């Protein structure tokens, strides 16, 4: 997940950086790091771990299910949900 996508995820769910940190069990500094995409001290790139991406997807799915708002889903998660919905319509 690129930094811009991570920030877009956070904003789509209406989370502040502190709220996103709490929801993901991370520090606010880590959220800032993921959104920046690189470390301050040496500009090394930062990759968001797969477990954090899965947690973001899960939070998005839960919120979309609660609100009925599929616009909260992005990228691969949205594609999988739409494919599943298509299969269910055929059944």
C-alpha atoms as a PDB file:
ATOM      1  CA  UNK A   1       0.000   0.000   0.000  1.00  0.00           C
ATOM      2  CA  UNK A   2       1.586   3.294  -1.031  1.00  0.00           C
ATOM      3  CA  UNK A   3       1.677   6.185   1.471  1.00  0.00           C
ATOM      4  CA  UNK A   4      -0.995   8.169  -0.394  1.00  0.00           C
ATOM      5  CA  UNK A   5      -3.342   5.169  -0.336  1.00  0.00           C
ATOM      6  CA  UNK A   6      -2.775   4.727   3.384  1.00  0.00           C
ATOM      7  CA  UNK A   7      -3.651   8.355   4.048  1.00  0.00           C
ATOM      8  CA  UNK A   8      -6.691   8.107   1.757  1.00  0.00           C
ATOM      9  CA  UNK A   9      -7.822   5.036   3.723  1.00  0.00           C
ATOM     10  CA  UNK A  10      -7.532   6.927   6.999  1.00  0.00           C
ATOM     11  CA  UNK A  11      -9.413   9.945   5.693  1.00  0.00           C
ATOM     12  CA  UNK A  12     -12.140   7.819   4.067  1.00  0.00           C
ATOM     13  CA  UNK A  13     -12.879   6.269   7.443  1.00  0.00           C
ATOM     14  CA  UNK A  14     -12.837   9.689   9.092  1.00  0.00           C
ATOM     15  CA  UNK A  15      -9.944   8.829  11.391  1.00  0.00           C
ATOM     16  CA  UNK A  16      -7.469  11.328  12.749  1.00  0.00           C
ATOM     17  CA  UNK A  17      -3.914  10.029  12.891  1.00  0.00           C
ATOM     18  CA  UNK A  18      -4.385   9.312  16.595  1.00  0.00           C
ATOM     19  CA  UNK A  19      -7.652   7.429  15.951  1.00  0.00           C
ATOM     20  CA  UNK A  20      -6.069   5.374  13.166  1.00  0.00           C
ATOM     21  CA  UNK A  21      -3.170   4.554  15.470  1.00  0.00           C
ATOM     22  CA  UNK A  22      -5.544   3.386  18.203  1.00  0.00           C
ATOM     23  CA  UNK A  23      -7.646   1.323  15.764  1.00  0.00           C
ATOM     24  CA  UNK A  24      -4.540  -0.399  14.375  1.00  0.00           C
ATOM     25  CA  UNK A  25      -2.697  -0.762  17.693  1.00  0.00           C
ATOM     26  CA  UNK A  26       0.155   1.450  16.498  1.00  0.00           C
ATOM     27  CA  UNK A  27       1.695   4.725  17.613  1.00  0.00           C
ATOM     28  CA  UNK A  28       0.759   8.039  16.023  1.00  0.00           C
ATOM     29  CA  UNK A  29       4.410   8.385  14.958  1.00  0.00           C
ATOM     30  CA  UNK A  30       4.111   5.129  13.010  1.00  0.00           C
ATOM     31  CA  UNK A  31       0.996   6.427  11.242  1.00  0.00           C
ATOM     32  CA  UNK A  32       2.906   9.583  10.320  1.00  0.00           C
ATOM     33  CA  UNK A  33       5.795   7.460   9.062  1.00  0.00           C
ATOM     34  CA  UNK A  34       3.502   5.339   6.882  1.00  0.00           C
ATOM     35  CA  UNK A  35       1.866   8.438   5.419  1.00  0.00           C
ATOM     36  CA  UNK A  36       5.214  10.094   4.738  1.00  0.00           C
ATOM     37  CA  UNK A  37       6.622   6.920   3.215  1.00  0.00           C
ATOM     38  CA  UNK A  38      10.175   7.571   4.282  1.00  0.00           C
ATOM     39  CA  UNK A  39      12.211   8.082   7.402  1.00  0.00           C
ATOM     40  CA  UNK A  40      13.199  11.628   8.401  1.00  0.00           C
ATOM     41  CA  UNK A  41      16.740  10.826   9.387  1.00  0.00           C
ATOM     42  CA  UNK A  42      17.954   9.184   6.172  1.00  0.00           C
ATOM     43  CA  UNK A  43      14.968   9.184   3.759  1.00  0.00           C
ATOM     44  CA  UNK A  44      14.928   5.374   3.622  1.00  0.00           C
ATOM     45  CA  UNK A  45      11.606   4.161   2.241  1.00  0.00           C
ATOM     46  CA  UNK A  46       9.124   2.642   4.654  1.00  0.00           C
ATOM     47  CA  UNK A  47       6.930  -0.274   3.657  1.00  0.00           C
ATOM     48  CA  UNK A  48       3.626  -0.837   5.374  1.00  0.00           C
ATOM     49  CA  UNK A  49       3.625  -4.428   6.672  1.00  0.00           C
ATOM     50  CA  UNK A  50       1.069  -6.859   5.197  1.00  0.00           C
ATOM     51  CA  UNK A  51      -0.534  -7.344   8.627  1.00  0.00           C
ATOM     52  CA  UNK A  52      -1.264  -3.604   8.850  1.00  0.00           C
ATOM     53  CA  UNK A  53      -2.720  -3.604   5.343  1.00  0.00           C
ATOM     54  CA  UNK A  54      -4.977  -6.523   6.288  1.00  0.00           C
ATOM     55  CA  UNK A  55      -6.059  -4.673   9.425  1.00  0.00           C
ATOM     56  CA  UNK A  56      -6.907  -1.614   7.321  1.00  0.00           C
ATOM     57  CA  UNK A  57      -8.933  -3.800   4.965  1.00  0.00           C
ATOM     58  CA  UNK A  58     -10.778  -5.378   7.890  1.00  0.00           C
ATOM     59  CA  UNK A  59     -11.625  -2.018   9.426  1.00  0.00           C
ATOM     60  CA  UNK A  60     -12.878  -0.804   6.037  1.00  0.00           C
ATOM     61  CA  UNK A  61     -15.008  -3.909   5.538  1.00  0.00           C
ATOM     62  CA  UNK A  62     -16.513  -3.585   8.999  1.00  0.00           C
ATOM     63  CA  UNK A  63     -17.341   0.091   8.522  1.00  0.00           C
ATOM     64  CA  UNK A  64     -18.780  -0.549   5.038  1.00  0.00           C
ATOM     65  CA  UNK A  65     -20.954  -3.341   6.449  1.00  0.00           C
ATOM     66  CA  UNK A  66     -22.153  -1.122   9.299  1.00  0.00           C
ATOM     67  CA  UNK A  67     -22.988   1.835   7.069  1.00  0.00           C
ATOM     68  CA  UNK A  68     -23.788   0.141   3.757  1.00  0.00           C
ATOM     69  CA  UNK A  69     -21.267   2.507   2.136  1.00  0.00           C
ATOM     70  CA  UNK A  70     -19.105   0.576  -0.335  1.00  0.00           C
ATOM     71  CA  UNK A  71     -17.204   3.775  -1.146  1.00  0.00           C
ATOM     72  CA  UNK A  72     -15.184   3.047   1.999  1.00  0.00           C
ATOM     73  CA  UNK A  73     -13.639   0.085   0.174  1.00  0.00           C
ATOM     74  CA  UNK A  74     -10.667   0.709  -2.075  1.00  0.00           C
ATOM     75  CA  UNK A  75      -8.324  -1.197  -4.346  1.00  0.00           C
ATOM     76  CA  UNK A  76      -8.136  -4.974  -4.127  1.00  0.00           C
ATOM     77  CA  UNK A  77     -10.675  -5.208  -1.305  1.00  0.00           C
ATOM     78  CA  UNK A  78     -13.302  -3.426  -3.365  1.00  0.00           C
ATOM     79  CA  UNK A  79     -12.563  -5.663  -6.353  1.00  0.00           C
ATOM     80  CA  UNK A  80     -12.963  -8.808  -4.246  1.00  0.00           C
ATOM     81  CA  UNK A  81     -16.202  -7.582  -2.684  1.00  0.00           C
ATOM     82  CA  UNK A  82     -17.622  -6.628  -6.076  1.00  0.00           C
ATOM     83  CA  UNK A  83     -16.651 -10.025  -7.520  1.00  0.00           C
ATOM     84  CA  UNK A  84     -18.295 -11.782  -4.577  1.00  0.00           C
ATOM     85  CA  UNK A  85     -21.427  -9.657  -4.970  1.00  0.00           C
ATOM     86  CA  UNK A  86     -21.560 -10.649  -8.646  1.00  0.00           C
ATOM     87  CA  UNK A  87     -21.334 -14.327  -7.718  1.00  0.00           C
ATOM     88  CA  UNK A  88     -24.090 -13.933  -5.146  1.00  0.00           C
ATOM     89  CA  UNK A  89     -26.367 -12.230  -7.684  1.00  0.00           C
ATOM     90  CA  UNK A  90     -25.897 -15.208 -10.038  1.00  0.00           C
ATOM     91  CA  UNK A  91     -26.714 -17.737  -7.332  1.00  0.00           C
END
